[in-house]
PDB file of all heavy atoms in Angstrom:
ATOM      1  N   VAL A   1     -35.687 -16.382  -8.825  1.00  0.00           N
ATOM      2  CA  VAL A   1     -36.086 -14.996  -9.091  1.00  0.00           C
ATOM      3  C   VAL A   1     -37.528 -15.008  -9.601  1.00  0.00           C
ATOM      4  O   VAL A   1     -37.773 -15.308 -10.775  1.00  0.00           O
ATOM      5  CB  VAL A   1     -35.167 -14.317 -10.125  1.00  0.00           C
ATOM      6  CG1 VAL A   1     -35.522 -12.832 -10.242  1.00  0.00           C
ATOM      7  CG2 VAL A   1     -33.706 -14.476  -9.736  1.00  0.00           C
ATOM      8  N   PRO A   2     -38.502 -14.701  -8.763  1.00  0.00           N
ATOM      9  CA  PRO A   2     -39.907 -14.784  -9.169  1.00  0.00           C
ATOM     10  C   PRO A   2     -40.280 -13.713 -10.185  1.00  0.00           C
ATOM     11  O   PRO A   2     -39.686 -12.633 -10.230  1.00  0.00           O
ATOM     12  CB  PRO A   2     -40.660 -14.566  -7.850  1.00  0.00           C
ATOM     13  CG  PRO A   2     -39.718 -13.766  -7.009  1.00  0.00           C
ATOM     14  CD  PRO A   2     -38.348 -14.248  -7.372  1.00  0.00           C
ATOM     15  N   GLY A   3     -41.249 -14.044 -11.020  1.00  0.00           N
ATOM     16  CA  GLY A   3     -41.830 -13.045 -11.921  1.00  0.00           C
ATOM     17  C   GLY A   3     -41.083 -12.778 -13.206  1.00  0.00           C
ATOM     18  O   GLY A   3     -41.541 -11.990 -14.033  1.00  0.00           O
ATOM     19  N   VAL A   4     -39.924 -13.422 -13.399  1.00  0.00           N
ATOM     20  CA  VAL A   4     -39.143 -13.152 -14.612  1.00  0.00           C
ATOM     21  C   VAL A   4     -39.481 -14.203 -15.665  1.00  0.00           C
ATOM     22  O   VAL A   4     -38.767 -15.183 -15.869  1.00  0.00           O
ATOM     23  CB  VAL A   4     -37.635 -13.121 -14.331  1.00  0.00           C
ATOM     24  CG1 VAL A   4     -36.872 -12.765 -15.614  1.00  0.00           C
ATOM     25  CG2 VAL A   4     -37.320 -12.098 -13.249  1.00  0.00           C
ATOM     26  N   GLU A   5     -40.600 -14.006 -16.296  1.00  0.00           N
ATOM     27  CA  GLU A   5     -41.034 -14.810 -17.435  1.00  0.00           C
ATOM     28  C   GLU A   5     -41.153 -13.856 -18.618  1.00  0.00           C
ATOM     29  O   GLU A   5     -42.007 -12.974 -18.631  1.00  0.00           O
ATOM     30  CB  GLU A   5     -42.373 -15.481 -17.162  1.00  0.00           C
ATOM     31  CG  GLU A   5     -42.887 -16.342 -18.311  1.00  0.00           C
ATOM     32  CD  GLU A   5     -44.257 -16.936 -18.022  1.00  0.00           C
ATOM     33  OE1 GLU A   5     -44.545 -17.271 -16.861  1.00  0.00           O
ATOM     34  OE2 GLU A   5     -45.050 -17.050 -18.986  1.00  0.00           O
ATOM     35  N   VAL A   6     -40.277 -13.994 -19.580  1.00  0.00           N
ATOM     36  CA  VAL A   6     -40.194 -13.025 -20.673  1.00  0.00           C
ATOM     37  C   VAL A   6     -40.161 -13.752 -22.010  1.00  0.00           C
ATOM     38  O   VAL A   6     -39.237 -14.529 -22.280  1.00  0.00           O
ATOM     39  CB  VAL A   6     -38.939 -12.133 -20.550  1.00  0.00           C
ATOM     40  CG1 VAL A   6     -38.957 -11.066 -21.644  1.00  0.00           C
ATOM     41  CG2 VAL A   6     -38.859 -11.491 -19.177  1.00  0.00           C
ATOM     42  N   TYR A   7     -41.150 -13.484 -22.821  1.00  0.00           N
ATOM     43  CA  TYR A   7     -41.180 -13.992 -24.191  1.00  0.00           C
ATOM     44  C   TYR A   7     -41.119 -12.807 -25.152  1.00  0.00           C
ATOM     45  O   TYR A   7     -41.794 -11.798 -24.942  1.00  0.00           O
ATOM     46  CB  TYR A   7     -42.459 -14.768 -24.471  1.00  0.00           C
ATOM     47  CG  TYR A   7     -42.548 -16.114 -23.802  1.00  0.00           C
ATOM     48  CD1 TYR A   7     -43.117 -16.242 -22.541  1.00  0.00           C
ATOM     49  CD2 TYR A   7     -42.064 -17.254 -24.424  1.00  0.00           C
ATOM     50  CE1 TYR A   7     -43.205 -17.479 -21.922  1.00  0.00           C
ATOM     51  CE2 TYR A   7     -42.148 -18.498 -23.817  1.00  0.00           C
ATOM     52  CZ  TYR A   7     -42.721 -18.602 -22.571  1.00  0.00           C
ATOM     53  OH  TYR A   7     -42.791 -19.832 -21.966  1.00  0.00           O
ATOM     54  N   ALA A   8     -40.318 -12.939 -26.171  1.00  0.00           N
ATOM     55  CA  ALA A   8     -40.374 -11.982 -27.279  1.00  0.00           C
ATOM     56  C   ALA A   8     -41.464 -12.492 -28.218  1.00  0.00           C
ATOM     57  O   ALA A   8     -41.237 -13.416 -28.999  1.00  0.00           O
ATOM     58  CB  ALA A   8     -39.033 -11.890 -27.981  1.00  0.00           C
ATOM     59  N   TRP A   9     -42.656 -11.944 -28.095  1.00  0.00           N
ATOM     60  CA  TRP A   9     -43.782 -12.425 -28.893  1.00  0.00           C
ATOM     61  C   TRP A   9     -44.042 -11.507 -30.077  1.00  0.00           C
ATOM     62  O   TRP A   9     -43.601 -10.364 -30.110  1.00  0.00           O
ATOM     63  CB  TRP A   9     -45.040 -12.561 -28.038  1.00  0.00           C
ATOM     64  CG  TRP A   9     -45.456 -11.331 -27.269  1.00  0.00           C
ATOM     65  CD1 TRP A   9     -45.151 -11.027 -25.970  1.00  0.00           C
ATOM     66  CD2 TRP A   9     -46.267 -10.241 -27.736  1.00  0.00           C
ATOM     67  NE1 TRP A   9     -45.706  -9.826 -25.609  1.00  0.00           N
ATOM     68  CE2 TRP A   9     -46.409  -9.323 -26.668  1.00  0.00           C
ATOM     69  CE3 TRP A   9     -46.890  -9.954 -28.954  1.00  0.00           C
ATOM     70  CZ2 TRP A   9     -47.149  -8.146 -26.785  1.00  0.00           C
ATOM     71  CZ3 TRP A   9     -47.622  -8.775 -29.076  1.00  0.00           C
ATOM     72  CH2 TRP A   9     -47.747  -7.883 -27.999  1.00  0.00           C
ATOM     73  N   GLN A  10     -44.755 -12.042 -31.053  1.00  0.00           N
ATOM     74  CA  GLN A  10     -45.043 -11.308 -32.282  1.00  0.00           C
ATOM     75  C   GLN A  10     -46.524 -11.445 -32.638  1.00  0.00           C
ATOM     76  O   GLN A  10     -47.218 -12.354 -32.171  1.00  0.00           O
ATOM     77  CB  GLN A  10     -44.200 -11.854 -33.431  1.00  0.00           C
ATOM     78  CG  GLN A  10     -42.715 -11.794 -33.201  1.00  0.00           C
ATOM     79  CD  GLN A  10     -41.951 -12.737 -34.106  1.00  0.00           C
ATOM     80  OE1 GLN A  10     -42.468 -13.748 -34.549  1.00  0.00           O
ATOM     81  NE2 GLN A  10     -40.704 -12.409 -34.389  1.00  0.00           N
ATOM     82  N   GLY A  11     -46.985 -10.541 -33.468  1.00  0.00           N
ATOM     83  CA  GLY A  11     -48.350 -10.611 -33.967  1.00  0.00           C
ATOM     84  C   GLY A  11     -48.495  -9.712 -35.172  1.00  0.00           C
ATOM     85  O   GLY A  11     -47.623  -8.877 -35.438  1.00  0.00           O
ATOM     86  N   PHE A  12     -49.588  -9.886 -35.917  1.00  0.00           N
ATOM     87  CA  PHE A  12     -49.767  -8.995 -37.064  1.00  0.00           C
ATOM     88  C   PHE A  12     -51.119  -8.331 -37.041  1.00  0.00           C
ATOM     89  O   PHE A  12     -52.094  -8.854 -36.480  1.00  0.00           O
ATOM     90  CB  PHE A  12     -49.446  -9.683 -38.385  1.00  0.00           C
ATOM     91  CG  PHE A  12     -50.490 -10.607 -38.980  1.00  0.00           C
ATOM     92  CD1 PHE A  12     -51.086 -10.296 -40.194  1.00  0.00           C
ATOM     93  CD2 PHE A  12     -50.840 -11.795 -38.357  1.00  0.00           C
ATOM     94  CE1 PHE A  12     -52.005 -11.153 -40.772  1.00  0.00           C
ATOM     95  CE2 PHE A  12     -51.745 -12.670 -38.937  1.00  0.00           C
ATOM     96  CZ  PHE A  12     -52.345 -12.345 -40.140  1.00  0.00           C
ATOM     97  N   VAL A  13     -51.146  -7.139 -37.607  1.00  0.00           N
ATOM     98  CA  VAL A  13     -52.299  -6.245 -37.524  1.00  0.00           C
ATOM     99  C   VAL A  13     -52.525  -5.570 -38.867  1.00  0.00           C
ATOM    100  O   VAL A  13     -51.670  -5.592 -39.755  1.00  0.00           O
ATOM    101  CB  VAL A  13     -52.094  -5.157 -36.440  1.00  0.00           C
ATOM    102  CG1 VAL A  13     -51.882  -5.771 -35.069  1.00  0.00           C
ATOM    103  CG2 VAL A  13     -50.915  -4.243 -36.806  1.00  0.00           C
ATOM    104  N   ALA A  14     -53.685  -4.949 -38.972  1.00  0.00           N
ATOM    105  CA  ALA A  14     -54.023  -4.084 -40.105  1.00  0.00           C
ATOM    106  C   ALA A  14     -54.336  -2.696 -39.551  1.00  0.00           C
ATOM    107  O   ALA A  14     -54.493  -2.528 -38.338  1.00  0.00           O
ATOM    108  CB  ALA A  14     -55.228  -4.655 -40.854  1.00  0.00           C
ATOM    109  N   PRO A  15     -54.440  -1.689 -40.401  1.00  0.00           N
ATOM    110  CA  PRO A  15     -54.851  -0.375 -39.904  1.00  0.00           C
ATOM    111  C   PRO A  15     -56.253  -0.437 -39.302  1.00  0.00           C
ATOM    112  O   PRO A  15     -57.105  -1.219 -39.748  1.00  0.00           O
ATOM    113  CB  PRO A  15     -54.837   0.502 -41.165  1.00  0.00           C
ATOM    114  CG  PRO A  15     -53.917  -0.196 -42.104  1.00  0.00           C
ATOM    115  CD  PRO A  15     -54.105  -1.652 -41.839  1.00  0.00           C
ATOM    116  N   ALA A  16     -56.487   0.355 -38.284  1.00  0.00           N
ATOM    117  CA  ALA A  16     -57.820   0.435 -37.681  1.00  0.00           C
ATOM    118  C   ALA A  16     -58.837   0.814 -38.745  1.00  0.00           C
ATOM    119  O   ALA A  16     -58.560   1.631 -39.628  1.00  0.00           O
ATOM    120  CB  ALA A  16     -57.819   1.470 -36.562  1.00  0.00           C
ATOM    121  N   GLY A  17     -60.003   0.204 -38.658  1.00  0.00           N
ATOM    122  CA  GLY A  17     -61.054   0.472 -39.627  1.00  0.00           C
ATOM    123  C   GLY A  17     -61.108  -0.517 -40.770  1.00  0.00           C
ATOM    124  O   GLY A  17     -62.003  -0.449 -41.616  1.00  0.00           O
ATOM    125  N   THR A  18     -60.166  -1.436 -40.822  1.00  0.00           N
ATOM    126  CA  THR A  18     -60.191  -2.488 -41.852  1.00  0.00           C
ATOM    127  C   THR A  18     -61.452  -3.331 -41.668  1.00  0.00           C
ATOM    128  O   THR A  18     -61.781  -3.711 -40.543  1.00  0.00           O
ATOM    129  CB  THR A  18     -58.945  -3.375 -41.752  1.00  0.00           C
ATOM    130  OG1 THR A  18     -57.777  -2.556 -41.934  1.00  0.00           O
ATOM    131  CG2 THR A  18     -58.958  -4.464 -42.808  1.00  0.00           C
ATOM    132  N   PRO A  19     -62.191  -3.625 -42.738  1.00  0.00           N
ATOM    133  CA  PRO A  19     -63.446  -4.388 -42.608  1.00  0.00           C
ATOM    134  C   PRO A  19     -63.261  -5.700 -41.865  1.00  0.00           C
ATOM    135  O   PRO A  19     -62.252  -6.390 -42.026  1.00  0.00           O
ATOM    136  CB  PRO A  19     -63.858  -4.625 -44.067  1.00  0.00           C
ATOM    137  CG  PRO A  19     -63.242  -3.491 -44.822  1.00  0.00           C
ATOM    138  CD  PRO A  19     -61.937  -3.223 -44.134  1.00  0.00           C
ATOM    139  N   ARG A  20     -64.240  -6.047 -41.053  1.00  0.00           N
ATOM    140  CA  ARG A  20     -64.168  -7.269 -40.244  1.00  0.00           C
ATOM    141  C   ARG A  20     -64.029  -8.505 -41.132  1.00  0.00           C
ATOM    142  O   ARG A  20     -63.370  -9.477 -40.754  1.00  0.00           O
ATOM    143  CB  ARG A  20     -65.437  -7.384 -39.385  1.00  0.00           C
ATOM    144  CG  ARG A  20     -65.523  -6.334 -38.289  1.00  0.00           C
ATOM    145  CD  ARG A  20     -66.880  -6.392 -37.599  1.00  0.00           C
ATOM    146  NE  ARG A  20     -67.105  -7.685 -36.958  1.00  0.00           N
ATOM    147  CZ  ARG A  20     -66.768  -7.957 -35.703  1.00  0.00           C
ATOM    148  NH1 ARG A  20     -66.187  -7.027 -34.951  1.00  0.00           N
ATOM    149  NH2 ARG A  20     -67.011  -9.147 -35.178  1.00  0.00           N
ATOM    150  N   GLU A  21     -64.653  -8.468 -42.333  1.00  0.00           N
ATOM    151  CA  GLU A  21     -64.572  -9.630 -43.216  1.00  0.00           C
ATOM    152  C   GLU A  21     -63.134  -9.854 -43.681  1.00  0.00           C
ATOM    153  O   GLU A  21     -62.683 -10.988 -43.837  1.00  0.00           O
ATOM    154  CB  GLU A  21     -65.474  -9.448 -44.437  1.00  0.00           C
ATOM    155  CG  GLU A  21     -66.915  -9.114 -44.116  1.00  0.00           C
ATOM    156  CD  GLU A  21     -67.118  -7.626 -43.901  1.00  0.00           C
ATOM    157  OE1 GLU A  21     -66.489  -6.798 -44.601  1.00  0.00           O
ATOM    158  OE2 GLU A  21     -67.912  -7.290 -43.005  1.00  0.00           O
ATOM    159  N   VAL A  22     -62.428  -8.750 -43.915  1.00  0.00           N
ATOM    160  CA  VAL A  22     -61.040  -8.845 -44.353  1.00  0.00           C
ATOM    161  C   VAL A  22     -60.165  -9.371 -43.204  1.00  0.00           C
ATOM    162  O   VAL A  22     -59.307 -10.236 -43.408  1.00  0.00           O
ATOM    163  CB  VAL A  22     -60.531  -7.477 -44.850  1.00  0.00           C
ATOM    164  CG1 VAL A  22     -59.026  -7.528 -45.127  1.00  0.00           C
ATOM    165  CG2 VAL A  22     -61.287  -7.062 -46.107  1.00  0.00           C
ATOM    166  N   ILE A  23     -60.389  -8.861 -42.002  1.00  0.00           N
ATOM    167  CA  ILE A  23     -59.652  -9.332 -40.834  1.00  0.00           C
ATOM    168  C   ILE A  23     -59.870 -10.832 -40.646  1.00  0.00           C
ATOM    169  O   ILE A  23     -58.926 -11.597 -40.408  1.00  0.00           O
ATOM    170  CB  ILE A  23     -60.083  -8.572 -39.566  1.00  0.00           C
ATOM    171  CG1 ILE A  23     -59.747  -7.082 -39.676  1.00  0.00           C
ATOM    172  CG2 ILE A  23     -59.443  -9.191 -38.322  1.00  0.00           C
ATOM    173  CD1 ILE A  23     -58.278  -6.774 -39.725  1.00  0.00           C
ATOM    174  N   ALA A  24     -61.120 -11.266 -40.778  1.00  0.00           N
ATOM    175  CA  ALA A  24     -61.448 -12.684 -40.599  1.00  0.00           C
ATOM    176  C   ALA A  24     -60.767 -13.542 -41.656  1.00  0.00           C
ATOM    177  O   ALA A  24     -60.270 -14.637 -41.361  1.00  0.00           O
ATOM    178  CB  ALA A  24     -62.962 -12.881 -40.642  1.00  0.00           C
ATOM    179  N   LYS A  25     -60.709 -13.048 -42.888  1.00  0.00           N
ATOM    180  CA  LYS A  25     -60.088 -13.813 -43.957  1.00  0.00           C
ATOM    181  C   LYS A  25     -58.576 -13.924 -43.736  1.00  0.00           C
ATOM    182  O   LYS A  25     -57.979 -14.988 -43.955  1.00  0.00           O
ATOM    183  CB  LYS A  25     -60.382 -13.169 -45.306  1.00  0.00           C
ATOM    184  CG  LYS A  25     -60.076 -14.068 -46.499  1.00  0.00           C
ATOM    185  CD  LYS A  25     -60.740 -13.557 -47.764  1.00  0.00           C
ATOM    186  CE  LYS A  25     -60.593 -14.562 -48.908  1.00  0.00           C
ATOM    187  NZ  LYS A  25     -61.283 -14.112 -50.143  1.00  0.00           N
ATOM    188  N   LEU A  26     -57.953 -12.851 -43.277  1.00  0.00           N
ATOM    189  CA  LEU A  26     -56.523 -12.866 -42.993  1.00  0.00           C
ATOM    190  C   LEU A  26     -56.219 -13.797 -41.816  1.00  0.00           C
ATOM    191  O   LEU A  26     -55.252 -14.558 -41.835  1.00  0.00           O
ATOM    192  CB  LEU A  26     -56.037 -11.456 -42.690  1.00  0.00           C
ATOM    193  CG  LEU A  26     -55.917 -10.517 -43.897  1.00  0.00           C
ATOM    194  CD1 LEU A  26     -55.805  -9.067 -43.441  1.00  0.00           C
ATOM    195  CD2 LEU A  26     -54.707 -10.894 -44.749  1.00  0.00           C
ATOM    196  N   ASN A  27     -57.048 -13.740 -40.793  1.00  0.00           N
ATOM    197  CA  ASN A  27     -56.868 -14.608 -39.633  1.00  0.00           C
ATOM    198  C   ASN A  27     -56.955 -16.078 -40.030  1.00  0.00           C
ATOM    199  O   ASN A  27     -56.140 -16.905 -39.623  1.00  0.00           O
ATOM    200  CB  ASN A  27     -57.916 -14.267 -38.569  1.00  0.00           C
ATOM    201  CG  ASN A  27     -57.796 -15.129 -37.329  1.00  0.00           C
ATOM    202  OD1 ASN A  27     -58.300 -16.255 -37.292  1.00  0.00           O
ATOM    203  ND2 ASN A  27     -57.153 -14.615 -36.299  1.00  0.00           N
ATOM    204  N   SER A  28     -57.927 -16.396 -40.859  1.00  0.00           N
ATOM    205  CA  SER A  28     -58.115 -17.776 -41.304  1.00  0.00           C
ATOM    206  C   SER A  28     -56.951 -18.237 -42.179  1.00  0.00           C
ATOM    207  O   SER A  28     -56.472 -19.369 -42.041  1.00  0.00           O
ATOM    208  CB  SER A  28     -59.432 -17.897 -42.082  1.00  0.00           C
ATOM    209  OG  SER A  28     -59.602 -19.194 -42.593  1.00  0.00           O
ATOM    210  N   ALA A  29     -56.488 -17.367 -43.077  1.00  0.00           N
ATOM    211  CA  ALA A  29     -55.373 -17.721 -43.958  1.00  0.00           C
ATOM    212  C   ALA A  29     -54.104 -17.973 -43.151  1.00  0.00           C
ATOM    213  O   ALA A  29     -53.338 -18.906 -43.434  1.00  0.00           O
ATOM    214  CB  ALA A  29     -55.138 -16.610 -44.982  1.00  0.00           C
ATOM    215  N   PHE A  30     -53.883 -17.155 -42.129  1.00  0.00           N
ATOM    216  CA  PHE A  30     -52.708 -17.338 -41.290  1.00  0.00           C
ATOM    217  C   PHE A  30     -52.786 -18.660 -40.525  1.00  0.00           C
ATOM    218  O   PHE A  30     -51.803 -19.410 -40.457  1.00  0.00           O
ATOM    219  CB  PHE A  30     -52.569 -16.179 -40.307  1.00  0.00           C
ATOM    220  CG  PHE A  30     -51.465 -16.366 -39.314  1.00  0.00           C
ATOM    221  CD1 PHE A  30     -50.141 -16.210 -39.693  1.00  0.00           C
ATOM    222  CD2 PHE A  30     -51.745 -16.727 -38.009  1.00  0.00           C
ATOM    223  CE1 PHE A  30     -49.113 -16.409 -38.788  1.00  0.00           C
ATOM    224  CE2 PHE A  30     -50.730 -16.930 -37.095  1.00  0.00           C
ATOM    225  CZ  PHE A  30     -49.411 -16.765 -37.484  1.00  0.00           C
ATOM    226  N   ALA A  31     -53.952 -18.955 -39.946  1.00  0.00           N
ATOM    227  CA  ALA A  31     -54.125 -20.205 -39.201  1.00  0.00           C
ATOM    228  C   ALA A  31     -53.873 -21.417 -40.097  1.00  0.00           C
ATOM    229  O   ALA A  31     -53.262 -22.405 -39.674  1.00  0.00           O
ATOM    230  CB  ALA A  31     -55.521 -20.264 -38.597  1.00  0.00           C
ATOM    231  N   THR A  32     -54.321 -21.330 -41.330  1.00  0.00           N
ATOM    232  CA  THR A  32     -54.092 -22.424 -42.283  1.00  0.00           C
ATOM    233  C   THR A  32     -52.607 -22.570 -42.612  1.00  0.00           C
ATOM    234  O   THR A  32     -52.067 -23.680 -42.642  1.00  0.00           O
ATOM    235  CB  THR A  32     -54.892 -22.182 -43.575  1.00  0.00           C
ATOM    236  OG1 THR A  32     -56.287 -22.120 -43.258  1.00  0.00           O
ATOM    237  CG2 THR A  32     -54.655 -23.301 -44.581  1.00  0.00           C
ATOM    238  N   ALA A  33     -51.938 -21.450 -42.842  1.00  0.00           N
ATOM    239  CA  ALA A  33     -50.511 -21.474 -43.181  1.00  0.00           C
ATOM    240  C   ALA A  33     -49.681 -22.077 -42.052  1.00  0.00           C
ATOM    241  O   ALA A  33     -48.685 -22.765 -42.299  1.00  0.00           O
ATOM    242  CB  ALA A  33     -50.025 -20.066 -43.496  1.00  0.00           C
ATOM    243  N   MET A  34     -50.095 -21.842 -40.823  1.00  0.00           N
ATOM    244  CA  MET A  34     -49.329 -22.334 -39.681  1.00  0.00           C
ATOM    245  C   MET A  34     -49.412 -23.852 -39.525  1.00  0.00           C
ATOM    246  O   MET A  34     -48.666 -24.443 -38.749  1.00  0.00           O
ATOM    247  CB  MET A  34     -49.813 -21.647 -38.403  1.00  0.00           C
ATOM    248  CG  MET A  34     -49.459 -20.171 -38.347  1.00  0.00           C
ATOM    249  SD  MET A  34     -47.694 -19.859 -38.151  1.00  0.00           S
ATOM    250  CE  MET A  34     -47.543 -19.984 -36.380  1.00  0.00           C
TER     251      MET A  34
END
């Protein structure tokens, strides 16, 4: 059955307008935790 590749994926976000520095710090902290 072609084309049936399904992953239940996840991700995390902040509200739009969150400062880029804060986004970068959260991204880095998550990468370290993983």
